[in-house]
Amino acid sequence: MKKRIWGIVFRLIVLCFIFYITYVMTVQQPILQAKNKQLEELEIMMDQAQQKNLDLREMLLLVDSDAYVEKEARERLGLIMPGEKVFIDMKD
């Protein structure tokens, strides 16, 4: 009789454990999906930030060059080198 009761109790414990695991997995699934989506979005943002960082590093190297400084001085500030002549197009 004792053996039979312990067998029933053991089966009941195993059954409760199975229901608990099923419940936890069911509840956790949407949370895991949301976290995976968030992880993918963060990885995309990280890739974009790394690309922007590379672009800025390239721009920094470019800005340090004399050719870039001369180009910006001509285009933005309208400066000319000594001895150059400026021609103005009157058609516009």
Foldseek 3Di string as FASTA:
>chain_A
DVVVVVVVVVVVVVVVVVVVVVVVCVVCVVVVVVVVVVVVVVVVVVVVVVVVVVVVVVVVVVVPDPVNVVVCCCPVVVDDDPPDDDDDDPPD
